[in-house]
Each structure stands twice: as C-alpha cells, then as structure tokens.
Amino acid sequence: MTRKIEFRTLPPKLLVRPSPLNPSRAIVQLGHLTFQAAIGRNGRSVFKREGDGKTPIAQMPLLYGFIRGERIRAVQTRLSLRRAVKSMLWCDAPGDPNYNRLVRAPFKPSHEEICREDRLYNVCLVLDWNVRSRQRNRGSAIFMHMIRPGYEPTAGCVALHPRDMRRLLPHLRPGQIIQVL
C-alpha cells in the first residue's frame, strides 16, 4: 500500500517595496501583479510607534477584513470579510485595555471609525501588526485599504486604488504574509 503525500503550497508573500523617489509611496507586488500604493506619510520604520505616521518594516500576516456592503458588492476572496456597521470602531488609545482592538460605539477613548464617509475603508484588511501580541504605543490599526486621491500618504497603512484592491482580493488568503521591505 502506498501513502499519498500531500504538499500544501503556501501562498506567495505580498511584497510592499518602497518607491525610490518618494518615501510615502510603494510598489505592491504579488506574483506577476504589481500596483502603486501609498504608505505612511513619514515613510517606513523598524521601530514603529503610535502616531508616528510610519509604515512598519515587517512581515505581517493578513488576518481578516471589513467591507462596506452597501457600497461594494460581489467581492471574490477567501478572506473573512465582516460587513462594517456604524457601531464598529478601532481603539487607538495606548492606555486603554482595548488598544488595537475592534470596539463598539459608544466608546470614549481615542478610536477610528470603520464606517468612514471618505470611502477609505470600503474594503479594509487587518494586518497583524501588534494585534495578536499587543504592546502599548507600538502602533495600531495597520490596515490595507483604499487610497485617497493622488495617492496621498497614510498614517502608516498600505493604501491601494479600488480597482487594484479588487484585482488583488481573489489572490489573498487568511494568514498570507504582507512583507513591507
């Protein structure tokens, strides 16, 4: 009797390479797919701190995401996408026990709204930066989300054009590594 050996191939890393000309821009690459992106207004850092405007240089597993179902329909992905509702907030107050966690309104400490009016979080993917193993002031809410017009810098996230996000989503898997170089 022969045993069948099954090999699981890991999905390729999604690479976020810095732009040589602009510290707040990047190139996102997954296999043959390549897209422009915006990153932190102050570039990148291996020493990420809360509020520093930098994107962490790190390998971050992709955890799950949020989607504005009333704005975006029929997204193909293997990721778990939660439908965003008005009461969803993300705590960014380092002194609060809920730091770098999803919380519900009403919530008084500092936070970000997941249901933003500016459409940046129409699709918002949560990267495991300081999420599963939290440390105060290490940085919160490192997401992959939609860009502002003109690829304006982010507060530390990776931002893509909506058409590029839609092209990328079918290729993403839970736990897939996002590597910022």
N, C-alpha and C. Protein backbone atom coordinates (compact mmCIF):
# COMPACT_ATOMS: atom_id res chain seq x y z
N MET A 1 0.84 -1.16 0.00
CA MET A 1 0.00 0.00 0.00
C MET A 1 0.89 1.24 0.00
N THR A 2 0.58 2.16 -0.87
CA THR A 2 1.35 3.39 -0.93
C THR A 2 0.58 4.51 -0.26
N ARG A 3 1.32 5.36 0.40
CA ARG A 3 0.70 6.52 1.04
C ARG A 3 0.84 7.72 0.11
N LYS A 4 -0.23 8.43 0.03
CA LYS A 4 -0.21 9.65 -0.77
C LYS A 4 0.26 10.79 0.13
N ILE A 5 1.28 11.47 -0.29
CA ILE A 5 1.80 12.60 0.46
C ILE A 5 1.25 13.86 -0.18
N GLU A 6 0.63 14.67 0.65
CA GLU A 6 0.05 15.91 0.16
C GLU A 6 0.94 17.07 0.56
N PHE A 7 1.27 17.88 -0.40
CA PHE A 7 2.07 19.07 -0.13
C PHE A 7 1.18 20.29 -0.21
N ARG A 8 1.20 21.07 0.83
CA ARG A 8 0.44 22.32 0.82
C ARG A 8 1.39 23.43 0.42
N THR A 9 1.02 24.11 -0.61
CA THR A 9 1.86 25.23 -1.00
C THR A 9 1.37 26.48 -0.30
N LEU A 10 2.29 27.19 0.23
CA LEU A 10 1.94 28.44 0.89
C LEU A 10 1.71 29.51 -0.16
N PRO A 11 0.74 30.38 0.08
CA PRO A 11 0.55 31.47 -0.88
C PRO A 11 1.78 32.37 -0.88
N PRO A 12 2.09 32.94 -2.01
CA PRO A 12 3.28 33.82 -2.05
C PRO A 12 3.08 35.04 -1.15
N LYS A 13 4.20 35.57 -0.68
CA LYS A 13 4.15 36.80 0.10
C LYS A 13 3.72 37.95 -0.79
N LEU A 14 2.98 38.85 -0.22
CA LEU A 14 2.67 40.10 -0.89
C LEU A 14 3.76 41.07 -0.45
N LEU A 15 4.53 41.56 -1.40
CA LEU A 15 5.65 42.43 -1.08
C LEU A 15 5.25 43.89 -1.24
N VAL A 16 5.67 44.72 -0.30
CA VAL A 16 5.47 46.16 -0.36
C VAL A 16 6.86 46.78 -0.40
N ARG A 17 7.26 47.18 -1.61
CA ARG A 17 8.60 47.72 -1.83
C ARG A 17 8.55 49.24 -1.83
N PRO A 18 9.49 49.89 -1.17
CA PRO A 18 9.48 51.36 -1.16
C PRO A 18 9.78 51.93 -2.53
N SER A 19 9.17 53.05 -2.83
CA SER A 19 9.47 53.78 -4.06
C SER A 19 10.82 54.48 -3.87
N PRO A 20 11.68 54.44 -4.87
CA PRO A 20 12.99 55.09 -4.72
C PRO A 20 12.90 56.62 -4.75
N LEU A 21 11.77 57.15 -5.23
CA LEU A 21 11.67 58.59 -5.40
C LEU A 21 10.81 59.30 -4.35
N ASN A 22 9.98 58.55 -3.63
CA ASN A 22 9.05 59.17 -2.70
C ASN A 22 8.89 58.25 -1.48
N PRO A 23 9.27 58.68 -0.29
CA PRO A 23 9.23 57.81 0.89
C PRO A 23 7.81 57.42 1.33
N SER A 24 6.80 58.11 0.83
CA SER A 24 5.43 57.75 1.22
C SER A 24 4.69 57.00 0.11
N ARG A 25 5.45 56.49 -0.86
CA ARG A 25 4.87 55.67 -1.93
C ARG A 25 5.56 54.32 -1.95
N ALA A 26 4.85 53.33 -2.54
CA ALA A 26 5.40 51.98 -2.59
C ALA A 26 4.87 51.27 -3.84
N ILE A 27 5.48 50.13 -4.11
CA ILE A 27 5.02 49.21 -5.15
C ILE A 27 4.60 47.94 -4.43
N VAL A 28 3.36 47.52 -4.64
CA VAL A 28 2.84 46.28 -4.07
C VAL A 28 2.95 45.21 -5.15
N GLN A 29 3.52 44.07 -4.78
CA GLN A 29 3.73 43.01 -5.75
C GLN A 29 3.28 41.67 -5.17
N LEU A 30 2.48 40.96 -5.96
CA LEU A 30 2.06 39.59 -5.63
C LEU A 30 2.19 38.79 -6.90
N GLY A 31 3.25 37.98 -6.97
CA GLY A 31 3.50 37.23 -8.20
C GLY A 31 3.69 38.19 -9.35
N HIS A 32 2.91 38.01 -10.41
CA HIS A 32 3.03 38.87 -11.59
C HIS A 32 2.22 40.16 -11.47
N LEU A 33 1.41 40.30 -10.42
CA LEU A 33 0.61 41.51 -10.22
C LEU A 33 1.45 42.59 -9.53
N THR A 34 1.41 43.80 -10.05
CA THR A 34 2.17 44.91 -9.48
C THR A 34 1.29 46.15 -9.49
N PHE A 35 1.23 46.86 -8.34
CA PHE A 35 0.38 48.03 -8.20
C PHE A 35 1.14 49.14 -7.46
N GLN A 36 0.75 50.39 -7.75
CA GLN A 36 1.24 51.51 -6.97
C GLN A 36 0.47 51.57 -5.66
N ALA A 37 1.08 52.09 -4.62
CA ALA A 37 0.42 52.22 -3.32
C ALA A 37 0.94 53.44 -2.59
N ALA A 38 0.15 53.86 -1.63
CA ALA A 38 0.58 54.90 -0.69
C ALA A 38 0.89 54.21 0.63
N ILE A 39 1.91 54.71 1.32
CA ILE A 39 2.24 54.21 2.66
C ILE A 39 2.35 55.41 3.60
N GLY A 40 2.92 55.20 4.77
CA GLY A 40 2.99 56.23 5.81
C GLY A 40 3.57 57.56 5.36
N ARG A 41 2.99 58.63 5.85
CA ARG A 41 3.42 59.99 5.47
C ARG A 41 4.89 60.24 5.84
N ASN A 42 5.41 59.50 6.81
CA ASN A 42 6.81 59.64 7.22
C ASN A 42 7.64 58.42 6.81
N GLY A 43 7.17 57.70 5.80
CA GLY A 43 7.92 56.57 5.27
C GLY A 43 7.72 55.30 6.07
N ARG A 44 8.83 54.56 6.24
CA ARG A 44 8.79 53.25 6.90
C ARG A 44 9.73 53.24 8.09
N SER A 45 9.53 52.27 8.99
CA SER A 45 10.42 52.16 10.14
C SER A 45 10.37 50.77 10.74
N VAL A 46 11.50 50.30 11.24
CA VAL A 46 11.52 49.05 12.01
C VAL A 46 11.13 49.32 13.46
N PHE A 47 11.10 50.60 13.85
CA PHE A 47 10.75 50.99 15.21
C PHE A 47 9.43 51.75 15.22
N LYS A 48 8.37 51.11 14.77
CA LYS A 48 7.04 51.72 14.68
C LYS A 48 6.55 52.13 16.06
N ARG A 49 5.98 53.36 16.16
CA ARG A 49 5.40 53.89 17.40
C ARG A 49 4.03 54.45 17.07
N GLU A 50 3.16 54.48 18.03
CA GLU A 50 1.81 55.02 17.85
C GLU A 50 1.88 56.47 17.38
N GLY A 51 1.19 56.78 16.30
CA GLY A 51 1.08 58.14 15.81
C GLY A 51 2.28 58.68 15.05
N ASP A 52 3.28 57.85 14.74
CA ASP A 52 4.48 58.37 14.08
C ASP A 52 4.32 58.54 12.56
N GLY A 53 3.22 58.08 11.99
CA GLY A 53 3.00 58.24 10.56
C GLY A 53 3.89 57.36 9.70
N LYS A 54 4.40 56.28 10.27
CA LYS A 54 5.29 55.38 9.54
C LYS A 54 4.65 54.01 9.35
N THR A 55 4.99 53.39 8.24
CA THR A 55 4.56 52.02 7.96
C THR A 55 5.61 51.09 8.53
N PRO A 56 5.21 50.07 9.30
CA PRO A 56 6.21 49.18 9.89
C PRO A 56 6.91 48.31 8.84
N ILE A 57 8.23 48.25 8.92
CA ILE A 57 9.00 47.32 8.11
C ILE A 57 8.90 45.99 8.84
N ALA A 58 8.12 45.08 8.28
CA ALA A 58 7.82 43.84 8.99
C ALA A 58 7.13 42.85 8.08
N GLN A 59 7.04 41.62 8.55
CA GLN A 59 6.20 40.60 7.93
C GLN A 59 4.94 40.52 8.78
N MET A 60 3.79 40.81 8.16
CA MET A 60 2.53 40.86 8.90
C MET A 60 1.52 39.91 8.26
N PRO A 61 1.07 38.89 8.98
CA PRO A 61 0.03 38.03 8.43
C PRO A 61 -1.27 38.81 8.23
N LEU A 62 -1.98 38.44 7.19
CA LEU A 62 -3.28 39.01 6.90
C LEU A 62 -4.32 38.29 7.75
N LEU A 63 -5.07 39.02 8.56
CA LEU A 63 -6.00 38.39 9.50
C LEU A 63 -7.41 38.26 8.93
N TYR A 64 -8.05 39.37 8.65
CA TYR A 64 -9.43 39.40 8.14
C TYR A 64 -9.68 40.81 7.64
N GLY A 65 -10.90 41.10 7.28
CA GLY A 65 -11.18 42.44 6.79
C GLY A 65 -12.59 42.90 7.05
N PHE A 66 -12.84 44.14 6.64
CA PHE A 66 -14.16 44.75 6.72
C PHE A 66 -14.55 45.19 5.32
N ILE A 67 -15.83 45.18 5.06
CA ILE A 67 -16.33 45.65 3.77
C ILE A 67 -17.59 46.45 3.98
N ARG A 68 -17.72 47.53 3.23
CA ARG A 68 -18.95 48.32 3.23
C ARG A 68 -19.88 47.70 2.20
N GLY A 69 -20.69 46.77 2.63
CA GLY A 69 -21.57 46.01 1.75
C GLY A 69 -22.53 46.86 0.96
N GLU A 70 -22.92 48.00 1.49
CA GLU A 70 -23.84 48.88 0.76
C GLU A 70 -23.13 49.64 -0.35
N ARG A 71 -21.79 49.64 -0.34
CA ARG A 71 -21.02 50.36 -1.36
C ARG A 71 -20.33 49.41 -2.34
N ILE A 72 -19.95 48.24 -1.88
CA ILE A 72 -19.22 47.29 -2.71
C ILE A 72 -19.93 45.94 -2.66
N ARG A 73 -20.15 45.37 -3.81
CA ARG A 73 -20.85 44.09 -3.89
C ARG A 73 -19.99 43.06 -4.63
N ALA A 74 -20.30 41.82 -4.40
CA ALA A 74 -19.71 40.69 -5.15
C ALA A 74 -18.19 40.71 -5.17
N VAL A 75 -17.58 40.74 -4.02
CA VAL A 75 -16.12 40.68 -3.92
C VAL A 75 -15.73 39.21 -3.85
N GLN A 76 -14.78 38.83 -4.66
CA GLN A 76 -14.27 37.45 -4.63
C GLN A 76 -13.00 37.41 -3.80
N THR A 77 -13.03 36.63 -2.73
CA THR A 77 -11.84 36.47 -1.88
C THR A 77 -12.05 35.29 -0.95
N ARG A 78 -10.96 34.74 -0.47
CA ARG A 78 -11.02 33.68 0.53
C ARG A 78 -10.88 34.24 1.95
N LEU A 79 -10.71 35.54 2.03
CA LEU A 79 -10.60 36.19 3.33
C LEU A 79 -11.96 36.29 3.99
N SER A 80 -11.96 36.30 5.29
CA SER A 80 -13.18 36.58 6.04
C SER A 80 -13.38 38.09 6.05
N LEU A 81 -14.46 38.54 5.39
CA LEU A 81 -14.77 39.97 5.35
C LEU A 81 -16.05 40.20 6.14
N ARG A 82 -15.94 40.99 7.21
CA ARG A 82 -17.10 41.34 8.02
C ARG A 82 -17.77 42.56 7.43
N ARG A 83 -19.07 42.55 7.41
CA ARG A 83 -19.77 43.73 6.93
C ARG A 83 -19.65 44.82 8.00
N ALA A 84 -19.11 45.97 7.60
CA ALA A 84 -18.90 47.09 8.53
C ALA A 84 -20.24 47.74 8.86
N VAL A 85 -20.40 48.06 10.13
CA VAL A 85 -21.60 48.78 10.60
C VAL A 85 -21.15 50.00 11.39
N LYS A 86 -22.05 50.96 11.53
CA LYS A 86 -21.71 52.26 12.16
C LYS A 86 -21.12 52.13 13.56
N SER A 87 -21.49 51.09 14.29
CA SER A 87 -21.01 50.97 15.67
C SER A 87 -19.59 50.42 15.77
N MET A 88 -18.99 50.02 14.65
CA MET A 88 -17.63 49.46 14.68
C MET A 88 -16.59 50.57 14.75
N LEU A 89 -15.72 50.46 15.75
CA LEU A 89 -14.62 51.40 15.95
C LEU A 89 -13.35 50.60 16.19
N TRP A 90 -12.19 51.24 16.01
CA TRP A 90 -10.91 50.59 16.29
C TRP A 90 -10.19 51.44 17.31
N CYS A 91 -9.91 50.89 18.48
CA CYS A 91 -9.28 51.64 19.58
C CYS A 91 -7.80 51.90 19.26
N ASP A 92 -7.41 53.19 19.32
CA ASP A 92 -6.00 53.54 19.13
C ASP A 92 -5.44 54.29 20.34
N ALA A 93 -6.06 54.06 21.49
CA ALA A 93 -5.62 54.69 22.74
C ALA A 93 -4.70 53.72 23.49
N PRO A 94 -3.37 53.97 23.49
CA PRO A 94 -2.43 53.02 24.08
C PRO A 94 -2.71 52.66 25.54
N GLY A 95 -3.29 53.58 26.31
CA GLY A 95 -3.55 53.31 27.72
C GLY A 95 -4.81 52.52 27.99
N ASP A 96 -5.61 52.26 26.97
CA ASP A 96 -6.87 51.54 27.15
C ASP A 96 -6.64 50.03 27.00
N PRO A 97 -7.34 49.21 27.80
CA PRO A 97 -7.19 47.75 27.68
C PRO A 97 -7.60 47.22 26.29
N ASN A 98 -8.39 47.99 25.55
CA ASN A 98 -8.84 47.58 24.21
C ASN A 98 -7.92 48.07 23.10
N TYR A 99 -6.75 48.58 23.47
CA TYR A 99 -5.81 49.13 22.48
C TYR A 99 -5.60 48.16 21.32
N ASN A 100 -5.70 48.70 20.11
CA ASN A 100 -5.51 47.96 18.86
C ASN A 100 -6.49 46.80 18.73
N ARG A 101 -7.73 47.08 19.12
CA ARG A 101 -8.81 46.09 19.01
C ARG A 101 -10.04 46.75 18.42
N LEU A 102 -10.88 45.91 17.83
CA LEU A 102 -12.19 46.35 17.38
C LEU A 102 -13.06 46.56 18.62
N VAL A 103 -13.72 47.70 18.69
CA VAL A 103 -14.63 48.00 19.80
C VAL A 103 -15.95 48.50 19.21
N ARG A 104 -16.94 48.63 20.07
CA ARG A 104 -18.27 49.08 19.65
C ARG A 104 -18.58 50.44 20.25
N ALA A 105 -19.28 51.26 19.47
CA ALA A 105 -19.77 52.55 19.97
C ALA A 105 -20.95 52.27 20.90
N PRO A 106 -21.12 53.12 21.90
CA PRO A 106 -20.31 54.28 22.25
C PRO A 106 -19.00 53.86 22.93
N PHE A 107 -17.95 54.59 22.61
CA PHE A 107 -16.62 54.30 23.14
C PHE A 107 -15.87 55.63 23.25
N LYS A 108 -15.52 56.03 24.46
CA LYS A 108 -14.94 57.36 24.69
C LYS A 108 -13.46 57.48 24.37
N PRO A 109 -12.60 56.48 24.68
CA PRO A 109 -11.18 56.67 24.36
C PRO A 109 -10.95 56.87 22.86
N SER A 110 -9.77 57.32 22.50
CA SER A 110 -9.43 57.58 21.10
C SER A 110 -9.66 56.34 20.23
N HIS A 111 -10.22 56.58 19.04
CA HIS A 111 -10.55 55.47 18.15
C HIS A 111 -10.70 55.96 16.71
N GLU A 112 -10.75 55.00 15.79
CA GLU A 112 -11.05 55.25 14.38
C GLU A 112 -12.39 54.64 14.06
N GLU A 113 -13.15 55.28 13.20
CA GLU A 113 -14.41 54.71 12.74
C GLU A 113 -14.13 53.79 11.56
N ILE A 114 -14.73 52.61 11.59
CA ILE A 114 -14.58 51.68 10.47
C ILE A 114 -15.48 52.10 9.30
N CYS A 115 -16.67 52.62 9.59
CA CYS A 115 -17.58 53.10 8.54
C CYS A 115 -17.30 54.57 8.24
N ARG A 116 -16.21 54.82 7.56
CA ARG A 116 -15.81 56.18 7.23
C ARG A 116 -16.64 56.71 6.07
N GLU A 117 -16.85 57.99 6.07
CA GLU A 117 -17.58 58.62 4.97
C GLU A 117 -16.71 58.80 3.73
N ASP A 118 -15.37 58.87 3.91
CA ASP A 118 -14.48 59.15 2.78
C ASP A 118 -14.16 57.95 1.91
N ARG A 119 -14.73 56.80 2.20
CA ARG A 119 -14.61 55.58 1.39
C ARG A 119 -13.25 54.87 1.50
N LEU A 120 -12.36 55.36 2.37
CA LEU A 120 -11.06 54.71 2.51
C LEU A 120 -11.19 53.27 3.00
N TYR A 121 -12.18 53.00 3.81
CA TYR A 121 -12.36 51.66 4.37
C TYR A 121 -13.51 50.90 3.71
N ASN A 122 -13.83 51.22 2.45
CA ASN A 122 -14.83 50.41 1.76
C ASN A 122 -14.42 48.95 1.75
N VAL A 123 -13.13 48.70 1.57
CA VAL A 123 -12.51 47.40 1.85
C VAL A 123 -11.33 47.73 2.74
N CYS A 124 -11.27 47.10 3.88
CA CYS A 124 -10.22 47.38 4.87
C CYS A 124 -9.73 46.05 5.41
N LEU A 125 -8.49 45.70 5.11
CA LEU A 125 -7.91 44.43 5.54
C LEU A 125 -7.02 44.66 6.76
N VAL A 126 -7.21 43.85 7.78
CA VAL A 126 -6.48 43.99 9.04
C VAL A 126 -5.20 43.17 8.97
N LEU A 127 -4.07 43.86 9.12
CA LEU A 127 -2.76 43.20 9.14
C LEU A 127 -2.37 42.96 10.60
N ASP A 128 -1.69 41.86 10.85
CA ASP A 128 -1.31 41.55 12.23
C ASP A 128 -0.06 42.33 12.62
N TRP A 129 -0.26 43.62 12.81
CA TRP A 129 0.78 44.44 13.41
C TRP A 129 0.30 44.78 14.80
N ASN A 130 0.93 44.17 15.80
CA ASN A 130 0.62 44.47 17.19
C ASN A 130 -0.82 44.11 17.56
N VAL A 131 -1.40 43.12 16.87
CA VAL A 131 -2.78 42.71 17.15
C VAL A 131 -2.80 41.50 18.07
N ARG A 132 -2.21 40.38 17.64
CA ARG A 132 -2.27 39.15 18.45
C ARG A 132 -1.36 39.23 19.66
N SER A 133 -0.29 39.99 19.57
CA SER A 133 0.62 40.17 20.69
C SER A 133 0.84 41.67 20.85
N ARG A 134 0.00 42.30 21.65
CA ARG A 134 -0.02 43.77 21.74
C ARG A 134 1.00 44.31 22.73
N GLN A 135 1.55 45.47 22.37
CA GLN A 135 2.39 46.25 23.26
C GLN A 135 1.95 47.70 23.15
N ARG A 136 1.83 48.36 24.27
CA ARG A 136 1.40 49.76 24.27
C ARG A 136 2.35 50.62 23.44
N ASN A 137 1.75 51.56 22.72
CA ASN A 137 2.48 52.54 21.90
C ASN A 137 3.25 51.94 20.73
N ARG A 138 3.07 50.67 20.42
CA ARG A 138 3.81 50.04 19.33
C ARG A 138 3.16 50.31 17.98
N GLY A 139 1.97 50.90 17.99
CA GLY A 139 1.26 51.21 16.75
C GLY A 139 -0.01 50.40 16.62
N SER A 140 -1.03 51.05 16.10
CA SER A 140 -2.33 50.37 15.96
C SER A 140 -2.90 50.62 14.58
N ALA A 141 -3.87 49.80 14.25
CA ALA A 141 -4.67 49.97 13.03
C ALA A 141 -3.81 50.03 11.77
N ILE A 142 -2.95 49.04 11.58
CA ILE A 142 -2.21 48.95 10.33
C ILE A 142 -3.06 48.09 9.39
N PHE A 143 -3.67 48.78 8.44
CA PHE A 143 -4.61 48.17 7.52
C PHE A 143 -4.08 48.28 6.10
N MET A 144 -4.70 47.49 5.22
CA MET A 144 -4.57 47.69 3.79
C MET A 144 -5.94 48.17 3.35
N HIS A 145 -6.00 49.37 2.78
CA HIS A 145 -7.29 49.96 2.45
C HIS A 145 -7.19 50.76 1.16
N MET A 146 -8.23 51.53 0.85
CA MET A 146 -8.28 52.31 -0.39
C MET A 146 -7.47 53.60 -0.26
N ILE A 147 -7.02 54.11 -1.40
CA ILE A 147 -6.21 55.33 -1.42
C ILE A 147 -7.08 56.58 -1.37
N ARG A 148 -6.43 57.66 -0.99
CA ARG A 148 -7.01 58.99 -1.17
C ARG A 148 -6.64 59.45 -2.58
N PRO A 149 -7.34 60.42 -3.13
CA PRO A 149 -6.97 60.93 -4.46
C PRO A 149 -5.51 61.36 -4.48
N GLY A 150 -4.84 61.07 -5.59
CA GLY A 150 -3.44 61.46 -5.75
C GLY A 150 -2.47 60.62 -4.95
N TYR A 151 -2.91 59.47 -4.45
CA TYR A 151 -2.06 58.60 -3.64
C TYR A 151 -1.45 59.34 -2.46
N GLU A 152 -2.28 60.14 -1.80
CA GLU A 152 -1.81 60.85 -0.61
C GLU A 152 -1.33 59.84 0.43
N PRO A 153 -0.33 60.20 1.23
CA PRO A 153 0.20 59.29 2.25
C PRO A 153 -0.85 58.89 3.28
N THR A 154 -0.55 57.80 3.96
CA THR A 154 -1.43 57.29 5.03
C THR A 154 -0.81 57.61 6.39
N ALA A 155 -1.49 57.17 7.44
CA ALA A 155 -0.96 57.32 8.80
C ALA A 155 -0.02 56.15 9.15
N GLY A 156 0.16 55.22 8.22
CA GLY A 156 1.02 54.05 8.45
C GLY A 156 0.52 52.81 7.72
N CYS A 157 -0.66 52.90 7.15
CA CYS A 157 -1.27 51.78 6.41
C CYS A 157 -0.69 51.68 5.01
N VAL A 158 -1.13 50.65 4.29
CA VAL A 158 -0.83 50.47 2.88
C VAL A 158 -2.14 50.71 2.14
N ALA A 159 -2.15 51.65 1.19
CA ALA A 159 -3.39 52.01 0.51
C ALA A 159 -3.28 51.79 -0.99
N LEU A 160 -4.32 51.19 -1.55
CA LEU A 160 -4.38 50.85 -2.97
C LEU A 160 -5.56 51.52 -3.66
N HIS A 161 -5.46 51.66 -4.96
CA HIS A 161 -6.58 52.14 -5.77
C HIS A 161 -7.68 51.06 -5.71
N PRO A 162 -8.95 51.45 -5.68
CA PRO A 162 -10.03 50.45 -5.62
C PRO A 162 -9.97 49.38 -6.71
N ARG A 163 -9.61 49.75 -7.93
CA ARG A 163 -9.55 48.73 -9.00
C ARG A 163 -8.42 47.74 -8.71
N ASP A 164 -7.31 48.20 -8.10
CA ASP A 164 -6.21 47.31 -7.76
C ASP A 164 -6.57 46.41 -6.58
N MET A 165 -7.29 46.95 -5.60
CA MET A 165 -7.76 46.13 -4.48
C MET A 165 -8.66 45.01 -5.00
N ARG A 166 -9.56 45.34 -5.91
CA ARG A 166 -10.48 44.34 -6.48
C ARG A 166 -9.70 43.26 -7.23
N ARG A 167 -8.64 43.63 -7.93
CA ARG A 167 -7.81 42.64 -8.64
C ARG A 167 -7.00 41.77 -7.68
N LEU A 168 -6.63 42.33 -6.55
CA LEU A 168 -5.78 41.62 -5.58
C LEU A 168 -6.57 40.66 -4.70
N LEU A 169 -7.78 41.04 -4.31
CA LEU A 169 -8.56 40.26 -3.33
C LEU A 169 -8.71 38.77 -3.66
N PRO A 170 -8.97 38.36 -4.90
CA PRO A 170 -9.12 36.93 -5.16
C PRO A 170 -7.86 36.11 -4.88
N HIS A 171 -6.72 36.76 -4.81
CA HIS A 171 -5.44 36.06 -4.62
C HIS A 171 -5.01 36.01 -3.15
N LEU A 172 -5.73 36.67 -2.27
CA LEU A 172 -5.33 36.75 -0.86
C LEU A 172 -5.98 35.65 -0.04
N ARG A 173 -5.24 35.20 0.97
CA ARG A 173 -5.70 34.12 1.85
C ARG A 173 -5.47 34.53 3.31
N PRO A 174 -6.27 33.99 4.22
CA PRO A 174 -6.00 34.25 5.65
C PRO A 174 -4.60 33.76 6.01
N GLY A 175 -3.87 34.55 6.75
CA GLY A 175 -2.53 34.20 7.19
C GLY A 175 -1.45 34.52 6.18
N GLN A 176 -1.84 34.93 4.97
CA GLN A 176 -0.85 35.28 3.96
C GLN A 176 0.03 36.43 4.48
N ILE A 177 1.28 36.38 4.19
CA ILE A 177 2.23 37.37 4.70
C ILE A 177 2.27 38.60 3.81
N ILE A 178 2.12 39.75 4.44
CA ILE A 178 2.35 41.04 3.80
C ILE A 178 3.71 41.49 4.32
N GLN A 179 4.67 41.59 3.43
CA GLN A 179 6.03 41.95 3.85
C GLN A 179 6.38 43.34 3.33
N VAL A 180 6.55 44.25 4.28
CA VAL A 180 6.98 45.61 3.95
C VAL A 180 8.51 45.60 4.04
N LEU A 181 9.13 45.93 2.93
CA LEU A 181 10.59 45.92 2.85
C LEU A 181 11.18 47.29 3.18
